[in-house]
Amino acid sequence: MGIKTVEIPEGYFGEGYQLTSFEKILGIAKSNSIWPLPFATSCCGIEFMATMGTNYDLARFGMERLSFSPRQADLLMVMGTIAKKMGPILKQVYTQMAEPKWVIAVGACASSGGIFDTYSVLQGIDKVIPVDVYVPGCPPRPEQIIDGVMRIQDLVKNEPSRRRNSPEYQHLLEKYQIG
């Protein structure tokens, strides 16, 4: 009878310790340290202010620091009615953000133009920039905004770091004419 050797299963190492991949640790760290840039134009911005207040406290989710500089933000939160003339500015703000970056469209107006089906209102910000999470409502309650943030956190936590260099992502940016 010889000694039987068994392969160590993936994720285990040493005596009684379970490790994870560096990718997962990085995902958890990134998901709990998101710096949002609020791009608020109307009533959805007021609801976002309530979300940042003491009753709802968005800081519990790692969003302690709002960034009003695109170069220091990684989450663009577009809230409210976006006029067609603001589309190029919104796109410029998006392109100035460093990778990786994510976008939340908060409210009916940012998602689809809302009740403003007119020549001057952009019928959804996904016409000019890619959107990761849509938060419905007119205006959405703070709980809905928090749910949208939690969905972004799940996306950030589980997104592989190489996704941003993938051909699919490059094709998406080409579709929006972002270079």
C-alpha atoms as a PDB file:
ATOM      1  CA  MET A   1       0.000   0.000   0.000  1.00  0.00           C
ATOM      2  CA  GLY A   2       1.487   3.287  -1.067  1.00  0.00           C
ATOM      3  CA  ILE A   3       0.721   6.783   0.030  1.00  0.00           C
ATOM      4  CA  LYS A   4      -2.307   8.177  -1.731  1.00  0.00           C
ATOM      5  CA  THR A   5      -1.906  11.738  -2.994  1.00  0.00           C
ATOM      6  CA  VAL A   6      -4.817  13.991  -3.697  1.00  0.00           C
ATOM      7  CA  GLU A   7      -4.801  17.162  -5.787  1.00  0.00           C
ATOM      8  CA  ILE A   8      -5.534  20.318  -3.823  1.00  0.00           C
ATOM      9  CA  PRO A   9      -8.819  21.735  -5.105  1.00  0.00           C
ATOM     10  CA  GLU A  10      -8.782  25.193  -6.634  1.00  0.00           C
ATOM     11  CA  GLY A  11      -9.292  27.875  -3.996  1.00  0.00           C
ATOM     12  CA  TYR A  12      -7.687  25.892  -1.155  1.00  0.00           C
ATOM     13  CA  PHE A  13      -4.141  26.146   0.084  1.00  0.00           C
ATOM     14  CA  GLY A  14      -2.472  25.220   3.343  1.00  0.00           C
ATOM     15  CA  GLU A  15      -4.109  23.757   6.402  1.00  0.00           C
ATOM     16  CA  GLY A  16      -7.695  24.840   6.811  1.00  0.00           C
ATOM     17  CA  TYR A  17      -7.383  28.039   4.796  1.00  0.00           C
ATOM     18  CA  GLN A  18      -9.439  28.917   1.800  1.00  0.00           C
ATOM     19  CA  LEU A  19      -8.160  31.611  -0.478  1.00  0.00           C
ATOM     20  CA  THR A  20      -9.741  33.384  -3.351  1.00  0.00           C
ATOM     21  CA  SER A  21      -8.395  34.888  -6.516  1.00  0.00           C
ATOM     22  CA  PHE A  22      -6.818  38.306  -6.631  1.00  0.00           C
ATOM     23  CA  GLU A  23      -9.503  39.261  -9.148  1.00  0.00           C
ATOM     24  CA  LYS A  24     -12.287  38.654  -6.593  1.00  0.00           C
ATOM     25  CA  ILE A  25     -10.507  40.594  -3.841  1.00  0.00           C
ATOM     26  CA  LEU A  26      -9.977  43.480  -6.237  1.00  0.00           C
ATOM     27  CA  GLY A  27     -13.662  43.350  -7.223  1.00  0.00           C
ATOM     28  CA  ILE A  28     -14.807  43.550  -3.607  1.00  0.00           C
ATOM     29  CA  ALA A  29     -12.465  46.480  -2.927  1.00  0.00           C
ATOM     30  CA  LYS A  30     -13.605  48.355  -6.050  1.00  0.00           C
ATOM     31  CA  SER A  31     -17.295  47.761  -5.392  1.00  0.00           C
ATOM     32  CA  ASN A  32     -17.049  49.295  -1.935  1.00  0.00           C
ATOM     33  CA  SER A  33     -15.092  52.377  -2.955  1.00  0.00           C
ATOM     34  CA  ILE A  34     -17.022  53.847  -5.878  1.00  0.00           C
ATOM     35  CA  TRP A  35     -16.714  57.592  -6.454  1.00  0.00           C
ATOM     36  CA  PRO A  36     -19.908  58.845  -8.107  1.00  0.00           C
ATOM     37  CA  LEU A  37     -20.213  61.963 -10.228  1.00  0.00           C
ATOM     38  CA  PRO A  38     -23.793  63.254  -9.969  1.00  0.00           C
ATOM     39  CA  PHE A  39     -25.048  64.829 -13.213  1.00  0.00           C
ATOM     40  CA  ALA A  40     -28.395  66.067 -11.914  1.00  0.00           C
ATOM     41  CA  THR A  41     -30.646  68.411 -13.837  1.00  0.00           C
ATOM     42  CA  SER A  42     -34.089  68.248 -12.207  1.00  0.00           C
ATOM     43  CA  CYS A  43     -36.307  66.501  -9.657  1.00  0.00           C
ATOM     44  CA  CYS A  44     -34.319  63.249  -9.699  1.00  0.00           C
ATOM     45  CA  GLY A  45     -31.383  65.273  -8.383  1.00  0.00           C
ATOM     46  CA  ILE A  46     -33.480  66.280  -5.367  1.00  0.00           C
ATOM     47  CA  GLU A  47     -34.222  62.616  -4.648  1.00  0.00           C
ATOM     48  CA  PHE A  48     -30.504  61.888  -4.939  1.00  0.00           C
ATOM     49  CA  MET A  49     -29.827  64.605  -2.360  1.00  0.00           C
ATOM     50  CA  ALA A  50     -32.278  62.837  -0.050  1.00  0.00           C
ATOM     51  CA  THR A  51     -30.413  59.584  -0.698  1.00  0.00           C
ATOM     52  CA  MET A  52     -27.172  61.206   0.447  1.00  0.00           C
ATOM     53  CA  GLY A  53     -28.880  62.576   3.588  1.00  0.00           C
ATOM     54  CA  THR A  54     -28.934  61.001   7.021  1.00  0.00           C
ATOM     55  CA  ASN A  55     -32.204  59.076   6.605  1.00  0.00           C
ATOM     56  CA  TYR A  56     -30.898  56.934   3.737  1.00  0.00           C
ATOM     57  CA  ASP A  57     -27.120  57.509   3.987  1.00  0.00           C
ATOM     58  CA  LEU A  58     -25.629  56.308   0.721  1.00  0.00           C
ATOM     59  CA  ALA A  59     -22.238  56.424   2.464  1.00  0.00           C
ATOM     60  CA  ARG A  60     -23.081  52.997   3.944  1.00  0.00           C
ATOM     61  CA  PHE A  61     -22.428  51.584   0.491  1.00  0.00           C
ATOM     62  CA  GLY A  62     -18.942  53.009   0.042  1.00  0.00           C
ATOM     63  CA  MET A  63     -20.107  56.207  -1.658  1.00  0.00           C
ATOM     64  CA  GLU A  64     -18.823  58.605   0.972  1.00  0.00           C
ATOM     65  CA  ARG A  65     -17.108  60.934  -1.452  1.00  0.00           C
ATOM     66  CA  LEU A  66     -18.965  62.543  -4.321  1.00  0.00           C
ATOM     67  CA  SER A  67     -16.654  63.616  -7.091  1.00  0.00           C
ATOM     68  CA  PHE A  68     -17.480  66.625  -9.207  1.00  0.00           C
ATOM     69  CA  SER A  69     -14.460  66.052 -11.424  1.00  0.00           C
ATOM     70  CA  PRO A  70     -14.856  63.432 -14.171  1.00  0.00           C
ATOM     71  CA  ARG A  71     -11.174  62.510 -13.931  1.00  0.00           C
ATOM     72  CA  GLN A  72     -11.632  61.423 -10.316  1.00  0.00           C
ATOM     73  CA  ALA A  73     -14.957  59.598 -10.680  1.00  0.00           C
ATOM     74  CA  ASP A  74     -15.779  56.085 -11.806  1.00  0.00           C
ATOM     75  CA  LEU A  75     -19.595  56.164 -11.670  1.00  0.00           C
ATOM     76  CA  LEU A  76     -21.612  58.678 -13.671  1.00  0.00           C
ATOM     77  CA  MET A  77     -25.087  59.114 -12.203  1.00  0.00           C
ATOM     78  CA  VAL A  78     -27.271  60.918 -14.729  1.00  0.00           C
ATOM     79  CA  MET A  79     -30.455  62.168 -13.095  1.00  0.00           C
ATOM     80  CA  GLY A  80     -33.216  64.125 -14.728  1.00  0.00           C
ATOM     81  CA  THR A  81     -34.142  65.599 -18.087  1.00  0.00           C
ATOM     82  CA  ILE A  82     -31.280  65.856 -20.558  1.00  0.00           C
ATOM     83  CA  ALA A  83     -31.758  68.305 -23.412  1.00  0.00           C
ATOM     84  CA  LYS A  84     -30.337  67.353 -26.805  1.00  0.00           C
ATOM     85  CA  LYS A  85     -27.909  70.270 -26.533  1.00  0.00           C
ATOM     86  CA  MET A  86     -26.531  68.681 -23.348  1.00  0.00           C
ATOM     87  CA  GLY A  87     -25.841  65.356 -25.104  1.00  0.00           C
ATOM     88  CA  PRO A  88     -22.348  66.313 -26.345  1.00  0.00           C
ATOM     89  CA  ILE A  89     -21.424  67.681 -22.898  1.00  0.00           C
ATOM     90  CA  LEU A  90     -22.613  64.469 -21.248  1.00  0.00           C
ATOM     91  CA  LYS A  91     -20.546  62.463 -23.728  1.00  0.00           C
ATOM     92  CA  GLN A  92     -17.503  64.665 -23.016  1.00  0.00           C
ATOM     93  CA  VAL A  93     -17.900  64.120 -19.263  1.00  0.00           C
ATOM     94  CA  TYR A  94     -18.113  60.362 -19.894  1.00  0.00           C
ATOM     95  CA  THR A  95     -14.994  60.290 -22.069  1.00  0.00           C
ATOM     96  CA  GLN A  96     -13.019  62.281 -19.486  1.00  0.00           C
ATOM     97  CA  MET A  97     -13.636  59.607 -16.854  1.00  0.00           C
ATOM     98  CA  ALA A  98     -10.882  57.046 -16.390  1.00  0.00           C
ATOM     99  CA  GLU A  99     -11.508  53.354 -16.997  1.00  0.00           C
ATOM    100  CA  PRO A 100     -13.148  51.416 -15.525  1.00  0.00           C
ATOM    101  CA  LYS A 101     -16.305  53.509 -15.437  1.00  0.00           C
ATOM    102  CA  TRP A 102     -19.978  52.794 -15.044  1.00  0.00           C
ATOM    103  CA  VAL A 103     -23.207  54.728 -15.719  1.00  0.00           C
ATOM    104  CA  ILE A 104     -26.578  54.811 -13.957  1.00  0.00           C
ATOM    105  CA  ALA A 105     -29.570  56.436 -15.656  1.00  0.00           C
ATOM    106  CA  VAL A 106     -31.770  57.618 -12.769  1.00  0.00           C
ATOM    107  CA  GLY A 107     -35.421  58.318 -13.455  1.00  0.00           C
ATOM    108  CA  ALA A 108     -37.704  58.138 -16.435  1.00  0.00           C
ATOM    109  CA  CYS A 109     -36.241  61.226 -18.118  1.00  0.00           C
ATOM    110  CA  ALA A 110     -32.642  59.998 -18.155  1.00  0.00           C
ATOM    111  CA  SER A 111     -33.786  56.503 -19.142  1.00  0.00           C
ATOM    112  CA  SER A 112     -36.265  57.329 -21.902  1.00  0.00           C
ATOM    113  CA  GLY A 113     -37.060  61.044 -22.013  1.00  0.00           C
ATOM    114  CA  GLY A 114     -39.931  60.600 -19.571  1.00  0.00           C
ATOM    115  CA  ILE A 115     -43.067  62.611 -20.270  1.00  0.00           C
ATOM    116  CA  PHE A 116     -41.089  65.035 -22.429  1.00  0.00           C
ATOM    117  CA  ASP A 117     -41.508  63.553 -25.905  1.00  0.00           C
ATOM    118  CA  THR A 118     -40.383  66.755 -27.593  1.00  0.00           C
ATOM    119  CA  TYR A 119     -37.813  67.808 -30.177  1.00  0.00           C
ATOM    120  CA  SER A 120     -35.511  69.284 -27.546  1.00  0.00           C
ATOM    121  CA  VAL A 121     -35.294  66.418 -25.017  1.00  0.00           C
ATOM    122  CA  LEU A 122     -32.942  63.484 -25.466  1.00  0.00           C
ATOM    123  CA  GLN A 123     -35.038  60.309 -25.407  1.00  0.00           C
ATOM    124  CA  GLY A 124     -32.674  58.400 -23.131  1.00  0.00           C
ATOM    125  CA  ILE A 125     -29.001  58.954 -22.413  1.00  0.00           C
ATOM    126  CA  ASP A 126     -28.214  55.607 -24.026  1.00  0.00           C
ATOM    127  CA  LYS A 127     -28.415  57.516 -27.307  1.00  0.00           C
ATOM    128  CA  VAL A 128     -25.041  59.146 -26.490  1.00  0.00           C
ATOM    129  CA  ILE A 129     -23.307  56.971 -23.844  1.00  0.00           C
ATOM    130  CA  PRO A 130     -23.574  53.331 -22.746  1.00  0.00           C
ATOM    131  CA  VAL A 131     -25.695  52.732 -19.631  1.00  0.00           C
ATOM    132  CA  ASP A 132     -25.089  49.925 -17.129  1.00  0.00           C
ATOM    133  CA  VAL A 133     -28.107  50.288 -14.798  1.00  0.00           C
ATOM    134  CA  TYR A 134     -31.485  51.964 -15.260  1.00  0.00           C
ATOM    135  CA  VAL A 135     -33.384  53.190 -12.181  1.00  0.00           C
ATOM    136  CA  PRO A 136     -37.107  53.611 -12.967  1.00  0.00           C
ATOM    137  CA  GLY A 137     -39.434  56.190 -11.484  1.00  0.00           C
ATOM    138  CA  CYS A 138     -40.556  59.760 -11.870  1.00  0.00           C
ATOM    139  CA  PRO A 139     -38.831  60.696  -9.651  1.00  0.00           C
ATOM    140  CA  PRO A 140     -37.456  57.477  -8.155  1.00  0.00           C
ATOM    141  CA  ARG A 141     -37.531  57.102  -4.392  1.00  0.00           C
ATOM    142  CA  PRO A 142     -34.208  57.023  -2.517  1.00  0.00           C
ATOM    143  CA  GLU A 143     -34.691  53.275  -1.989  1.00  0.00           C
ATOM    144  CA  GLN A 144     -34.748  52.785  -5.752  1.00  0.00           C
ATOM    145  CA  ILE A 145     -31.551  54.808  -6.165  1.00  0.00           C
ATOM    146  CA  ILE A 146     -29.900  52.695  -3.460  1.00  0.00           C
ATOM    147  CA  ASP A 147     -31.048  49.559  -5.293  1.00  0.00           C
ATOM    148  CA  GLY A 148     -29.468  50.893  -8.502  1.00  0.00           C
ATOM    149  CA  VAL A 149     -26.223  51.560  -6.647  1.00  0.00           C
ATOM    150  CA  MET A 150     -26.276  48.030  -5.238  1.00  0.00           C
ATOM    151  CA  ARG A 151     -26.741  46.649  -8.749  1.00  0.00           C
ATOM    152  CA  ILE A 152     -23.715  48.653  -9.885  1.00  0.00           C
ATOM    153  CA  GLN A 153     -21.760  47.248  -6.944  1.00  0.00           C
ATOM    154  CA  ASP A 154     -22.678  43.699  -8.024  1.00  0.00           C
ATOM    155  CA  LEU A 155     -21.558  44.515 -11.553  1.00  0.00           C
ATOM    156  CA  VAL A 156     -18.261  46.009 -10.327  1.00  0.00           C
ATOM    157  CA  LYS A 157     -17.631  43.104  -7.955  1.00  0.00           C
ATOM    158  CA  ASN A 158     -18.121  40.445 -10.629  1.00  0.00           C
ATOM    159  CA  GLU A 159     -16.679  42.206 -13.663  1.00  0.00           C
ATOM    160  CA  PRO A 160     -13.334  40.806 -14.794  1.00  0.00           C
ATOM    161  CA  SER A 161     -10.661  43.477 -15.106  1.00  0.00           C
ATOM    162  CA  ARG A 162      -9.888  42.361 -18.642  1.00  0.00           C
ATOM    163  CA  ARG A 163     -13.455  43.044 -19.835  1.00  0.00           C
ATOM    164  CA  ARG A 164     -12.603  46.643 -20.665  1.00  0.00           C
ATOM    165  CA  ASN A 165      -9.977  45.427 -23.164  1.00  0.00           C
ATOM    166  CA  SER A 166     -12.263  42.881 -24.806  1.00  0.00           C
ATOM    167  CA  PRO A 167     -13.323  43.186 -28.461  1.00  0.00           C
ATOM    168  CA  GLU A 168     -16.986  43.380 -27.343  1.00  0.00           C
ATOM    169  CA  TYR A 169     -16.291  46.426 -25.181  1.00  0.00           C
ATOM    170  CA  GLN A 170     -14.252  48.082 -27.928  1.00  0.00           C
ATOM    171  CA  HIS A 171     -17.133  47.458 -30.347  1.00  0.00           C
ATOM    172  CA  LEU A 172     -19.545  49.066 -27.858  1.00  0.00           C
ATOM    173  CA  LEU A 173     -17.370  52.185 -27.650  1.00  0.00           C
ATOM    174  CA  GLU A 174     -17.122  52.332 -31.456  1.00  0.00           C
ATOM    175  CA  LYS A 175     -20.930  52.152 -31.637  1.00  0.00           C
ATOM    176  CA  TYR A 176     -21.095  55.302 -29.496  1.00  0.00           C
ATOM    177  CA  GLN A 177     -18.197  56.859 -31.433  1.00  0.00           C
ATOM    178  CA  ILE A 178     -16.052  57.004 -28.312  1.00  0.00           C
ATOM    179  CA  GLY A 179     -12.374  56.462 -28.992  1.00  0.00           C
END
